[in-house]
Amino acid sequence: YAKGVSVKARWQPDGTHPPYDLEKLLNISKDGGYSGFWGIESSMADVDSKNPEDIKQAEWQAVKYTRDVIRKVILKS
């Protein structure tokens, strides 16, 4: 009876997510009947720059990667 799921992800700069299969875990929730809110908690591992703007762009990219996986799972027939 969850109203929200927190999707936590830590991406590599090349767009891979090696620690675990994020899509598989989201499918478990969806297949179990979950249809509520999907919250994104995401970050980019190993940002080489100390420039705040570069860090901000990397973090936004991580959020987009996570969003794309959520969309893939939700919109899949």
PDB file of N, CA and C in Angstrom:
ATOM      1  N   TYR A   1       0.812  -1.192   0.000  1.00  0.00           N
ATOM      2  CA  TYR A   1       0.000   0.000   0.000  1.00  0.00           C
ATOM      3  C   TYR A   1       0.857   1.259   0.000  1.00  0.00           C
ATOM      4  N   ALA A   2       2.028   1.169  -0.604  1.00  0.00           N
ATOM      5  CA  ALA A   2       2.932   2.318  -0.663  1.00  0.00           C
ATOM      6  C   ALA A   2       2.356   3.406  -1.558  1.00  0.00           C
ATOM      7  N   LYS A   3       2.583   4.646  -1.158  1.00  0.00           N
ATOM      8  CA  LYS A   3       2.166   5.788  -1.961  1.00  0.00           C
ATOM      9  C   LYS A   3       3.314   6.330  -2.788  1.00  0.00           C
ATOM     10  N   GLY A   4       4.527   5.915  -2.445  1.00  0.00           N
ATOM     11  CA  GLY A   4       5.695   6.391  -3.178  1.00  0.00           C
ATOM     12  C   GLY A   4       6.852   5.425  -3.055  1.00  0.00           C
ATOM     13  N   VAL A   5       7.666   5.392  -4.095  1.00  0.00           N
ATOM     14  CA  VAL A   5       8.882   4.585  -4.103  1.00  0.00           C
ATOM     15  C   VAL A   5      10.041   5.530  -4.376  1.00  0.00           C
ATOM     16  N   SER A   6      11.086   5.431  -3.575  1.00  0.00           N
ATOM     17  CA  SER A   6      12.279   6.237  -3.775  1.00  0.00           C
ATOM     18  C   SER A   6      13.252   5.438  -4.632  1.00  0.00           C
ATOM     19  N   VAL A   7      13.519   5.938  -5.809  1.00  0.00           N
ATOM     20  CA  VAL A   7      14.421   5.263  -6.742  1.00  0.00           C
ATOM     21  C   VAL A   7      15.809   5.879  -6.575  1.00  0.00           C
ATOM     22  N   LYS A   8      16.694   5.140  -5.931  1.00  0.00           N
ATOM     23  CA  LYS A   8      18.039   5.641  -5.650  1.00  0.00           C
ATOM     24  C   LYS A   8      19.016   5.033  -6.648  1.00  0.00           C
ATOM     25  N   ALA A   9      19.813   5.886  -7.276  1.00  0.00           N
ATOM     26  CA  ALA A   9      20.743   5.413  -8.295  1.00  0.00           C
ATOM     27  C   ALA A   9      22.051   6.189  -8.209  1.00  0.00           C
ATOM     28  N   ARG A  10      23.132   5.524  -8.540  1.00  0.00           N
ATOM     29  CA  ARG A  10      24.456   6.153  -8.609  1.00  0.00           C
ATOM     30  C   ARG A  10      25.086   5.741  -9.935  1.00  0.00           C
ATOM     31  N   TRP A  11      25.132   6.668 -10.859  1.00  0.00           N
ATOM     32  CA  TRP A  11      25.554   6.411 -12.229  1.00  0.00           C
ATOM     33  C   TRP A  11      27.036   6.679 -12.425  1.00  0.00           C
ATOM     34  N   GLN A  12      27.610   5.952 -13.366  1.00  0.00           N
ATOM     35  CA  GLN A  12      28.964   6.226 -13.835  1.00  0.00           C
ATOM     36  C   GLN A  12      28.860   7.295 -14.932  1.00  0.00           C
ATOM     37  N   PRO A  13      29.922   8.063 -15.157  1.00  0.00           N
ATOM     38  CA  PRO A  13      29.859   9.114 -16.185  1.00  0.00           C
ATOM     39  C   PRO A  13      29.481   8.602 -17.582  1.00  0.00           C
ATOM     40  N   ASP A  14      29.745   7.331 -17.875  1.00  0.00           N
ATOM     41  CA  ASP A  14      29.397   6.787 -19.194  1.00  0.00           C
ATOM     42  C   ASP A  14      27.943   6.326 -19.290  1.00  0.00           C
ATOM     43  N   GLY A  15      27.161   6.525 -18.218  1.00  0.00           N
ATOM     44  CA  GLY A  15      25.750   6.171 -18.251  1.00  0.00           C
ATOM     45  C   GLY A  15      25.431   4.772 -17.774  1.00  0.00           C
ATOM     46  N   THR A  16      26.429   4.050 -17.278  1.00  0.00           N
ATOM     47  CA  THR A  16      26.168   2.706 -16.760  1.00  0.00           C
ATOM     48  C   THR A  16      25.847   2.777 -15.274  1.00  0.00           C
ATOM     49  N   HIS A  17      25.151   1.774 -14.816  1.00  0.00           N
ATOM     50  CA  HIS A  17      24.756   1.688 -13.411  1.00  0.00           C
ATOM     51  C   HIS A  17      25.168   0.312 -12.902  1.00  0.00           C
ATOM     52  N   PRO A  18      26.438   0.135 -12.583  1.00  0.00           N
ATOM     53  CA  PRO A  18      26.949  -1.202 -12.274  1.00  0.00           C
ATOM     54  C   PRO A  18      26.535  -1.840 -10.948  1.00  0.00           C
ATOM     55  N   PRO A  19      26.224  -1.104  -9.875  1.00  0.00           N
ATOM     56  CA  PRO A  19      25.979  -1.793  -8.596  1.00  0.00           C
ATOM     57  C   PRO A  19      24.817  -2.792  -8.620  1.00  0.00           C
ATOM     58  N   TYR A  20      23.765  -2.517  -9.351  1.00  0.00           N
ATOM     59  CA  TYR A  20      22.612  -3.406  -9.395  1.00  0.00           C
ATOM     60  C   TYR A  20      21.781  -3.091 -10.633  1.00  0.00           C
ATOM     61  N   ASP A  21      20.881  -3.996 -10.981  1.00  0.00           N
ATOM     62  CA  ASP A  21      20.042  -3.845 -12.164  1.00  0.00           C
ATOM     63  C   ASP A  21      18.808  -3.016 -11.800  1.00  0.00           C
ATOM     64  N   LEU A  22      18.893  -1.720 -12.032  1.00  0.00           N
ATOM     65  CA  LEU A  22      17.831  -0.795 -11.654  1.00  0.00           C
ATOM     66  C   LEU A  22      16.511  -1.131 -12.354  1.00  0.00           C
ATOM     67  N   GLU A  23      16.574  -1.428 -13.630  1.00  0.00           N
ATOM     68  CA  GLU A  23      15.353  -1.754 -14.375  1.00  0.00           C
ATOM     69  C   GLU A  23      14.664  -2.985 -13.788  1.00  0.00           C
ATOM     70  N   LYS A  24      15.433  -3.993 -13.449  1.00  0.00           N
ATOM     71  CA  LYS A  24      14.861  -5.214 -12.866  1.00  0.00           C
ATOM     72  C   LYS A  24      14.158  -4.902 -11.544  1.00  0.00           C
ATOM     73  N   LEU A  25      14.777  -4.094 -10.708  1.00  0.00           N
ATOM     74  CA  LEU A  25      14.174  -3.748  -9.419  1.00  0.00           C
ATOM     75  C   LEU A  25      12.885  -2.948  -9.595  1.00  0.00           C
ATOM     76  N   LEU A  26      12.864  -2.028 -10.547  1.00  0.00           N
ATOM     77  CA  LEU A  26      11.644  -1.263 -10.800  1.00  0.00           C
ATOM     78  C   LEU A  26      10.536  -2.164 -11.339  1.00  0.00           C
ATOM     79  N   ASN A  27      10.915  -3.126 -12.165  1.00  0.00           N
ATOM     80  CA  ASN A  27       9.920  -4.080 -12.684  1.00  0.00           C
ATOM     81  C   ASN A  27       9.313  -4.914 -11.569  1.00  0.00           C
ATOM     82  N   ILE A  28      10.096  -5.256 -10.562  1.00  0.00           N
ATOM     83  CA  ILE A  28       9.553  -5.998  -9.422  1.00  0.00           C
ATOM     84  C   ILE A  28       8.449  -5.193  -8.759  1.00  0.00           C
ATOM     85  N   SER A  29       8.682  -3.901  -8.567  1.00  0.00           N
ATOM     86  CA  SER A  29       7.652  -3.041  -7.966  1.00  0.00           C
ATOM     87  C   SER A  29       6.419  -2.954  -8.853  1.00  0.00           C
ATOM     88  N   LYS A  30       6.641  -2.722 -10.140  1.00  0.00           N
ATOM     89  CA  LYS A  30       5.516  -2.595 -11.074  1.00  0.00           C
ATOM     90  C   LYS A  30       4.731  -3.895 -11.163  1.00  0.00           C
ATOM     91  N   ASP A  31       5.446  -5.020 -11.285  1.00  0.00           N
ATOM     92  CA  ASP A  31       4.779  -6.318 -11.398  1.00  0.00           C
ATOM     93  C   ASP A  31       4.032  -6.690 -10.119  1.00  0.00           C
ATOM     94  N   GLY A  32       4.464  -6.124  -9.003  1.00  0.00           N
ATOM     95  CA  GLY A  32       3.787  -6.357  -7.729  1.00  0.00           C
ATOM     96  C   GLY A  32       2.541  -5.505  -7.559  1.00  0.00           C
ATOM     97  N   GLY A  33       2.249  -4.681  -8.561  1.00  0.00           N
ATOM     98  CA  GLY A  33       1.028  -3.881  -8.533  1.00  0.00           C
ATOM     99  C   GLY A  33       1.226  -2.434  -8.135  1.00  0.00           C
ATOM    100  N   TYR A  34       2.473  -2.000  -7.942  1.00  0.00           N
ATOM    101  CA  TYR A  34       2.705  -0.609  -7.542  1.00  0.00           C
ATOM    102  C   TYR A  34       2.367   0.336  -8.680  1.00  0.00           C
ATOM    103  N   SER A  35       1.648   1.412  -8.357  1.00  0.00           N
ATOM    104  CA  SER A  35       1.274   2.400  -9.377  1.00  0.00           C
ATOM    105  C   SER A  35       1.268   3.816  -8.810  1.00  0.00           C
ATOM    106  N   GLY A  36       2.089   4.068  -7.795  1.00  0.00           N
ATOM    107  CA  GLY A  36       2.118   5.398  -7.184  1.00  0.00           C
ATOM    108  C   GLY A  36       3.225   6.268  -7.743  1.00  0.00           C
ATOM    109  N   PHE A  37       3.725   7.153  -6.891  1.00  0.00           N
ATOM    110  CA  PHE A  37       4.769   8.092  -7.276  1.00  0.00           C
ATOM    111  C   PHE A  37       6.138   7.417  -7.262  1.00  0.00           C
ATOM    112  N   TRP A  38       6.993   7.813  -8.203  1.00  0.00           N
ATOM    113  CA  TRP A  38       8.373   7.333  -8.276  1.00  0.00           C
ATOM    114  C   TRP A  38       9.270   8.541  -8.011  1.00  0.00           C
ATOM    115  N   GLY A  39       9.886   8.586  -6.846  1.00  0.00           N
ATOM    116  CA  GLY A  39      10.784   9.689  -6.505  1.00  0.00           C
ATOM    117  C   GLY A  39      12.209   9.356  -6.923  1.00  0.00           C
ATOM    118  N   ILE A  40      12.947  10.355  -7.376  1.00  0.00           N
ATOM    119  CA  ILE A  40      14.310  10.138  -7.855  1.00  0.00           C
ATOM    120  C   ILE A  40      15.319  10.699  -6.862  1.00  0.00           C
ATOM    121  N   GLU A  41      16.219   9.833  -6.413  1.00  0.00           N
ATOM    122  CA  GLU A  41      17.386  10.231  -5.628  1.00  0.00           C
ATOM    123  C   GLU A  41      18.569   9.679  -6.402  1.00  0.00           C
ATOM    124  N   SER A  42      19.293  10.542  -7.067  1.00  0.00           N
ATOM    125  CA  SER A  42      20.297  10.072  -7.996  1.00  0.00           C
ATOM    126  C   SER A  42      21.547  10.910  -7.910  1.00  0.00           C
ATOM    127  N   SER A  43      22.681  10.305  -8.261  1.00  0.00           N
ATOM    128  CA  SER A  43      23.935  11.051  -8.293  1.00  0.00           C
ATOM    129  C   SER A  43      24.858  10.444  -9.342  1.00  0.00           C
ATOM    130  N   MET A  44      25.888  11.211  -9.661  1.00  0.00           N
ATOM    131  CA  MET A  44      26.891  10.774 -10.619  1.00  0.00           C
ATOM    132  C   MET A  44      28.159  10.453  -9.848  1.00  0.00           C
ATOM    133  N   ALA A  45      28.682   9.270 -10.053  1.00  0.00           N
ATOM    134  CA  ALA A  45      29.921   8.861  -9.384  1.00  0.00           C
ATOM    135  C   ALA A  45      31.124   9.498 -10.072  1.00  0.00           C
ATOM    136  N   ASP A  46      32.123   9.781  -9.304  1.00  0.00           N
ATOM    137  CA  ASP A  46      33.427  10.190  -9.837  1.00  0.00           C
ATOM    138  C   ASP A  46      33.384  11.385 -10.786  1.00  0.00           C
ATOM    139  N   VAL A  47      32.777  12.473 -10.367  1.00  0.00           N
ATOM    140  CA  VAL A  47      32.809  13.693 -11.165  1.00  0.00           C
ATOM    141  C   VAL A  47      34.215  14.272 -11.043  1.00  0.00           C
ATOM    142  N   ASP A  48      34.918  14.373 -12.160  1.00  0.00           N
ATOM    143  CA  ASP A  48      36.323  14.787 -12.153  1.00  0.00           C
ATOM    144  C   ASP A  48      36.522  16.268 -11.841  1.00  0.00           C
ATOM    145  N   SER A  49      35.571  17.077 -12.154  1.00  0.00           N
ATOM    146  CA  SER A  49      35.720  18.521 -12.029  1.00  0.00           C
ATOM    147  C   SER A  49      35.403  19.019 -10.619  1.00  0.00           C
ATOM    148  N   LYS A  50      36.040  20.090 -10.240  1.00  0.00           N
ATOM    149  CA  LYS A  50      35.711  20.786  -8.989  1.00  0.00           C
ATOM    150  C   LYS A  50      34.818  21.994  -9.272  1.00  0.00           C
ATOM    151  N   ASN A  51      34.563  22.245 -10.543  1.00  0.00           N
ATOM    152  CA  ASN A  51      33.738  23.371 -10.956  1.00  0.00           C
ATOM    153  C   ASN A  51      32.270  23.087 -10.593  1.00  0.00           C
ATOM    154  N   PRO A  52      31.643  23.962  -9.813  1.00  0.00           N
ATOM    155  CA  PRO A  52      30.252  23.726  -9.394  1.00  0.00           C
ATOM    156  C   PRO A  52      29.285  23.534 -10.564  1.00  0.00           C
ATOM    157  N   GLU A  53      29.500  24.252 -11.657  1.00  0.00           N
ATOM    158  CA  GLU A  53      28.604  24.112 -12.811  1.00  0.00           C
ATOM    159  C   GLU A  53      28.743  22.728 -13.443  1.00  0.00           C
ATOM    160  N   ASP A  54      29.963  22.201 -13.510  1.00  0.00           N
ATOM    161  CA  ASP A  54      30.183  20.858 -14.045  1.00  0.00           C
ATOM    162  C   ASP A  54      29.528  19.810 -13.149  1.00  0.00           C
ATOM    163  N   ILE A  55      29.646  20.002 -11.855  1.00  0.00           N
ATOM    164  CA  ILE A  55      29.032  19.070 -10.903  1.00  0.00           C
ATOM    165  C   ILE A  55      27.517  19.100 -11.042  1.00  0.00           C
ATOM    166  N   LYS A  56      26.960  20.312 -11.148  1.00  0.00           N
ATOM    167  CA  LYS A  56      25.506  20.461 -11.313  1.00  0.00           C
ATOM    168  C   LYS A  56      25.029  19.762 -12.583  1.00  0.00           C
ATOM    169  N   GLN A  57      25.757  19.935 -13.689  1.00  0.00           N
ATOM    170  CA  GLN A  57      25.373  19.296 -14.949  1.00  0.00           C
ATOM    171  C   GLN A  57      25.449  17.767 -14.836  1.00  0.00           C
ATOM    172  N   ALA A  58      26.480  17.279 -14.154  1.00  0.00           N
ATOM    173  CA  ALA A  58      26.624  15.826 -13.973  1.00  0.00           C
ATOM    174  C   ALA A  58      25.478  15.273 -13.130  1.00  0.00           C
ATOM    175  N   GLU A  59      25.107  16.000 -12.085  1.00  0.00           N
ATOM    176  CA  GLU A  59      24.010  15.539 -11.232  1.00  0.00           C
ATOM    177  C   GLU A  59      22.680  15.554 -11.980  1.00  0.00           C
ATOM    178  N   TRP A  60      22.445  16.580 -12.788  1.00  0.00           N
ATOM    179  CA  TRP A  60      21.222  16.615 -13.600  1.00  0.00           C
ATOM    180  C   TRP A  60      21.204  15.463 -14.596  1.00  0.00           C
ATOM    181  N   GLN A  61      22.365  15.138 -15.155  1.00  0.00           N
ATOM    182  CA  GLN A  61      22.429  14.009 -16.090  1.00  0.00           C
ATOM    183  C   GLN A  61      22.069  12.712 -15.373  1.00  0.00           C
ATOM    184  N   ALA A  62      22.532  12.556 -14.141  1.00  0.00           N
ATOM    185  CA  ALA A  62      22.194  11.363 -13.359  1.00  0.00           C
ATOM    186  C   ALA A  62      20.689  11.264 -13.134  1.00  0.00           C
ATOM    187  N   VAL A  63      20.060  12.383 -12.839  1.00  0.00           N
ATOM    188  CA  VAL A  63      18.597  12.405 -12.661  1.00  0.00           C
ATOM    189  C   VAL A  63      17.909  11.999 -13.965  1.00  0.00           C
ATOM    190  N   LYS A  64      18.408  12.492 -15.074  1.00  0.00           N
ATOM    191  CA  LYS A  64      17.812  12.147 -16.379  1.00  0.00           C
ATOM    192  C   LYS A  64      17.967  10.660 -16.687  1.00  0.00           C
ATOM    193  N   TYR A  65      19.135  10.100 -16.381  1.00  0.00           N
ATOM    194  CA  TYR A  65      19.333   8.654 -16.577  1.00  0.00           C
ATOM    195  C   TYR A  65      18.301   7.856 -15.773  1.00  0.00           C
ATOM    196  N   THR A  66      18.113   8.258 -14.517  1.00  0.00           N
ATOM    197  CA  THR A  66      17.155   7.552 -13.655  1.00  0.00           C
ATOM    198  C   THR A  66      15.734   7.722 -14.185  1.00  0.00           C
ATOM    199  N   ARG A  67      15.403   8.948 -14.572  1.00  0.00           N
ATOM    200  CA  ARG A  67      14.074   9.226 -15.142  1.00  0.00           C
ATOM    201  C   ARG A  67      13.816   8.343 -16.358  1.00  0.00           C
ATOM    202  N   ASP A  68      14.821   8.188 -17.207  1.00  0.00           N
ATOM    203  CA  ASP A  68      14.652   7.394 -18.426  1.00  0.00           C
ATOM    204  C   ASP A  68      14.393   5.923 -18.119  1.00  0.00           C
ATOM    205  N   VAL A  69      15.044   5.386 -17.092  1.00  0.00           N
ATOM    206  CA  VAL A  69      14.801   3.995 -16.706  1.00  0.00           C
ATOM    207  C   VAL A  69      13.380   3.854 -16.158  1.00  0.00           C
ATOM    208  N   ILE A  70      12.958   4.800 -15.329  1.00  0.00           N
ATOM    209  CA  ILE A  70      11.591   4.765 -14.793  1.00  0.00           C
ATOM    210  C   ILE A  70      10.582   4.818 -15.938  1.00  0.00           C
ATOM    211  N   ARG A  71      10.782   5.726 -16.874  1.00  0.00           N
ATOM    212  CA  ARG A  71       9.865   5.821 -18.028  1.00  0.00           C
ATOM    213  C   ARG A  71       9.822   4.523 -18.818  1.00  0.00           C
ATOM    214  N   LYS A  72      10.981   3.918 -19.025  1.00  0.00           N
ATOM    215  CA  LYS A  72      11.046   2.660 -19.777  1.00  0.00           C
ATOM    216  C   LYS A  72      10.207   1.589 -19.105  1.00  0.00           C
ATOM    217  N   VAL A  73      10.294   1.498 -17.780  1.00  0.00           N
ATOM    218  CA  VAL A  73       9.559   0.488 -17.036  1.00  0.00           C
ATOM    219  C   VAL A  73       8.060   0.804 -17.020  1.00  0.00           C
ATOM    220  N   ILE A  74       7.693   2.029 -16.764  1.00  0.00           N
ATOM    221  CA  ILE A  74       6.287   2.410 -16.637  1.00  0.00           C
ATOM    222  C   ILE A  74       5.564   2.340 -17.980  1.00  0.00           C
ATOM    223  N   LEU A  75       6.215   2.787 -19.035  1.00  0.00           N
ATOM    224  CA  LEU A  75       5.553   2.871 -20.332  1.00  0.00           C
ATOM    225  C   LEU A  75       5.608   1.572 -21.122  1.00  0.00           C
ATOM    226  N   LYS A  76       6.372   0.602 -20.614  1.00  0.00           N
ATOM    227  CA  LYS A  76       6.479  -0.696 -21.300  1.00  0.00           C
ATOM    228  C   LYS A  76       5.142  -1.422 -21.208  1.00  0.00           C
ATOM    229  N   SER A  77       4.724  -2.006 -22.298  1.00  0.00           N
ATOM    230  CA  SER A  77       3.451  -2.728 -22.313  1.00  0.00           C
ATOM    231  C   SER A  77       3.601  -4.129 -21.783  1.00  0.00           C
TER     232      SER A  77
END
